[in-house]
Amino acid sequence: MPCIDFPDPWQSLNKPACPHFTGAVTIIAEFTDRAKAQLQMIEAVYGIRITNIDTVARLIGEDADNEREVLAVCSALNSWVFFNHVRGAVELPVNVVKSLRGKINRHT
């Protein structure tokens, strides 16, 4: 499969011009890191501590096809935290994360 030239954002992320050399693991790790950063922001905004933050970030990152999906799932979790009046240390229910992830993946 031939490589095509990508716009400058690929270069600014220190990625090779050809995505075939980055590997799926790198992309999953990047999406997981982005999800964790979003979840940490939720923690900061609401003054909570997500006890299973690594698990939730990995669930989001492994299933995302793009950064928009990561942001959409994290935004939905932000709303879930707000509407459920979460306080203190909380373990986000994995079934809620999977449900939100599935609904968003079907609509993006």
C-alpha atoms as a PDB file:
ATOM      1  CA  MET A   1       0.000   0.000   0.000  1.00  0.00           C
ATOM      2  CA  PRO A   2       1.611   3.294  -1.051  1.00  0.00           C
ATOM      3  CA  CYS A   3       1.971   6.141   1.412  1.00  0.00           C
ATOM      4  CA  ILE A   4       0.411   9.487   0.720  1.00  0.00           C
ATOM      5  CA  ASP A   5       1.544  12.880   1.906  1.00  0.00           C
ATOM      6  CA  PHE A   6      -0.265  14.068   5.023  1.00  0.00           C
ATOM      7  CA  PRO A   7      -0.733  17.678   6.091  1.00  0.00           C
ATOM      8  CA  ASP A   8       1.621  19.319   8.566  1.00  0.00           C
ATOM      9  CA  PRO A   9      -0.271  18.225  11.739  1.00  0.00           C
ATOM     10  CA  TRP A  10       1.187  14.730  11.294  1.00  0.00           C
ATOM     11  CA  GLN A  11       4.677  16.173  11.230  1.00  0.00           C
ATOM     12  CA  SER A  12       4.050  18.370  14.269  1.00  0.00           C
ATOM     13  CA  LEU A  13       3.058  15.282  16.251  1.00  0.00           C
ATOM     14  CA  ASN A  14       6.467  13.753  15.428  1.00  0.00           C
ATOM     15  CA  LYS A  15       4.863  10.964  13.452  1.00  0.00           C
ATOM     16  CA  PRO A  16       6.284   9.557  10.254  1.00  0.00           C
ATOM     17  CA  ALA A  17       4.551  10.697   7.094  1.00  0.00           C
ATOM     18  CA  CYS A  18       3.307   7.155   6.484  1.00  0.00           C
ATOM     19  CA  PRO A  19       0.744   5.909   9.039  1.00  0.00           C
ATOM     20  CA  HIS A  20       1.667   2.278   8.295  1.00  0.00           C
ATOM     21  CA  PHE A  21       4.765   2.695  10.429  1.00  0.00           C
ATOM     22  CA  THR A  22       3.049   4.153  13.516  1.00  0.00           C
ATOM     23  CA  GLY A  23       1.163   0.991  14.397  1.00  0.00           C
ATOM     24  CA  ALA A  24      -2.222   0.581  16.017  1.00  0.00           C
ATOM     25  CA  VAL A  25      -0.675   0.338  19.474  1.00  0.00           C
ATOM     26  CA  THR A  26       0.686   3.890  19.181  1.00  0.00           C
ATOM     27  CA  ILE A  27      -2.704   5.250  18.133  1.00  0.00           C
ATOM     28  CA  ILE A  28      -4.491   3.411  20.958  1.00  0.00           C
ATOM     29  CA  ALA A  29      -1.945   4.743  23.455  1.00  0.00           C
ATOM     30  CA  GLU A  30      -2.434   8.270  22.122  1.00  0.00           C
ATOM     31  CA  PHE A  31      -6.233   8.031  22.369  1.00  0.00           C
ATOM     32  CA  THR A  32      -5.923   6.509  25.860  1.00  0.00           C
ATOM     33  CA  ASP A  33      -3.671   9.377  26.945  1.00  0.00           C
ATOM     34  CA  ARG A  34      -6.137  11.910  25.563  1.00  0.00           C
ATOM     35  CA  ALA A  35      -9.015  10.196  27.374  1.00  0.00           C
ATOM     36  CA  LYS A  36      -7.062  10.197  30.631  1.00  0.00           C
ATOM     37  CA  ALA A  37      -6.310  13.907  30.257  1.00  0.00           C
ATOM     38  CA  GLN A  38     -10.018  14.611  29.712  1.00  0.00           C
ATOM     39  CA  LEU A  39     -10.941  12.490  32.732  1.00  0.00           C
ATOM     40  CA  GLN A  40      -8.373  14.348  34.843  1.00  0.00           C
ATOM     41  CA  MET A  41     -10.029  17.592  33.786  1.00  0.00           C
ATOM     42  CA  ILE A  42     -13.384  16.208  34.949  1.00  0.00           C
ATOM     43  CA  GLU A  43     -11.741  15.348  38.268  1.00  0.00           C
ATOM     44  CA  ALA A  44     -10.392  18.889  38.604  1.00  0.00           C
ATOM     45  CA  VAL A  45     -13.649  20.608  37.660  1.00  0.00           C
ATOM     46  CA  TYR A  46     -15.826  18.615  40.075  1.00  0.00           C
ATOM     47  CA  GLY A  47     -13.232  18.045  42.789  1.00  0.00           C
ATOM     48  CA  ILE A  48     -13.617  14.276  42.551  1.00  0.00           C
ATOM     49  CA  ARG A  49     -11.209  11.372  42.181  1.00  0.00           C
ATOM     50  CA  ILE A  50     -11.964   8.689  39.593  1.00  0.00           C
ATOM     51  CA  THR A  51     -10.547   5.546  41.178  1.00  0.00           C
ATOM     52  CA  ASN A  52     -10.597   3.522  37.948  1.00  0.00           C
ATOM     53  CA  ILE A  53      -9.306   6.308  35.689  1.00  0.00           C
ATOM     54  CA  ASP A  54      -6.753   4.081  33.901  1.00  0.00           C
ATOM     55  CA  THR A  55      -9.345   1.395  33.137  1.00  0.00           C
ATOM     56  CA  VAL A  56     -11.866   3.934  31.845  1.00  0.00           C
ATOM     57  CA  ALA A  57      -9.258   5.743  29.734  1.00  0.00           C
ATOM     58  CA  ARG A  58      -8.140   2.433  28.219  1.00  0.00           C
ATOM     59  CA  LEU A  59     -11.747   1.433  27.427  1.00  0.00           C
ATOM     60  CA  ILE A  60     -12.274   4.731  25.648  1.00  0.00           C
ATOM     61  CA  GLY A  61      -8.908   4.719  23.845  1.00  0.00           C
ATOM     62  CA  GLU A  62      -9.086   1.130  22.616  1.00  0.00           C
ATOM     63  CA  ASP A  63     -12.423   1.607  20.879  1.00  0.00           C
ATOM     64  CA  ALA A  64     -12.002   5.103  19.449  1.00  0.00           C
ATOM     65  CA  ASP A  65     -11.528   5.580  15.735  1.00  0.00           C
ATOM     66  CA  ASN A  66     -10.534   9.235  16.055  1.00  0.00           C
ATOM     67  CA  GLU A  67     -10.007  12.060  18.527  1.00  0.00           C
ATOM     68  CA  ARG A  68     -13.587  13.259  18.087  1.00  0.00           C
ATOM     69  CA  GLU A  69     -14.894   9.992  19.535  1.00  0.00           C
ATOM     70  CA  VAL A  70     -12.568  10.300  22.542  1.00  0.00           C
ATOM     71  CA  LEU A  71     -13.848  13.818  23.200  1.00  0.00           C
ATOM     72  CA  ALA A  72     -17.480  12.792  22.686  1.00  0.00           C
ATOM     73  CA  VAL A  73     -17.287   9.902  25.171  1.00  0.00           C
ATOM     74  CA  CYS A  74     -15.487  12.063  27.744  1.00  0.00           C
ATOM     75  CA  SER A  75     -18.042  14.847  27.276  1.00  0.00           C
ATOM     76  CA  ALA A  76     -20.840  12.345  27.849  1.00  0.00           C
ATOM     77  CA  LEU A  77     -19.083  11.122  31.006  1.00  0.00           C
ATOM     78  CA  ASN A  78     -18.759  14.731  32.147  1.00  0.00           C
ATOM     79  CA  SER A  79     -22.537  15.075  31.845  1.00  0.00           C
ATOM     80  CA  TRP A  80     -23.059  11.763  33.639  1.00  0.00           C
ATOM     81  CA  VAL A  81     -20.899  12.942  36.556  1.00  0.00           C
ATOM     82  CA  PHE A  82     -22.795  16.245  36.724  1.00  0.00           C
ATOM     83  CA  PHE A  83     -26.302  14.796  36.563  1.00  0.00           C
ATOM     84  CA  ASN A  84     -25.515  12.048  39.068  1.00  0.00           C
ATOM     85  CA  HIS A  85     -24.117  14.561  41.593  1.00  0.00           C
ATOM     86  CA  VAL A  86     -20.917  12.553  41.977  1.00  0.00           C
ATOM     87  CA  ARG A  87     -18.765  13.589  44.940  1.00  0.00           C
ATOM     88  CA  GLY A  88     -15.473  12.412  46.461  1.00  0.00           C
ATOM     89  CA  ALA A  89     -13.871   9.199  45.220  1.00  0.00           C
ATOM     90  CA  VAL A  90     -15.905   7.426  42.572  1.00  0.00           C
ATOM     91  CA  GLU A  91     -15.514   4.356  40.432  1.00  0.00           C
ATOM     92  CA  LEU A  92     -17.132   5.084  37.097  1.00  0.00           C
ATOM     93  CA  PRO A  93     -19.314   2.086  36.190  1.00  0.00           C
ATOM     94  CA  VAL A  94     -17.715   0.204  33.314  1.00  0.00           C
ATOM     95  CA  ASN A  95     -21.157  -0.639  31.912  1.00  0.00           C
ATOM     96  CA  VAL A  96     -21.957   3.093  31.694  1.00  0.00           C
ATOM     97  CA  VAL A  97     -18.671   3.783  29.900  1.00  0.00           C
ATOM     98  CA  LYS A  98     -19.278   0.926  27.442  1.00  0.00           C
ATOM     99  CA  SER A  99     -22.862   2.046  26.846  1.00  0.00           C
ATOM    100  CA  LEU A 100     -21.847   5.642  26.124  1.00  0.00           C
ATOM    101  CA  ARG A 101     -18.973   4.466  23.954  1.00  0.00           C
ATOM    102  CA  GLY A 102     -21.267   2.203  21.930  1.00  0.00           C
ATOM    103  CA  LYS A 103     -23.880   4.913  21.393  1.00  0.00           C
ATOM    104  CA  ILE A 104     -21.303   7.465  20.311  1.00  0.00           C
ATOM    105  CA  ASN A 105     -19.507   5.040  17.987  1.00  0.00           C
ATOM    106  CA  ARG A 106     -22.805   4.346  16.209  1.00  0.00           C
ATOM    107  CA  HIS A 107     -23.398   8.061  15.632  1.00  0.00           C
ATOM    108  CA  THR A 108     -19.971   9.255  14.514  1.00  0.00           C
END
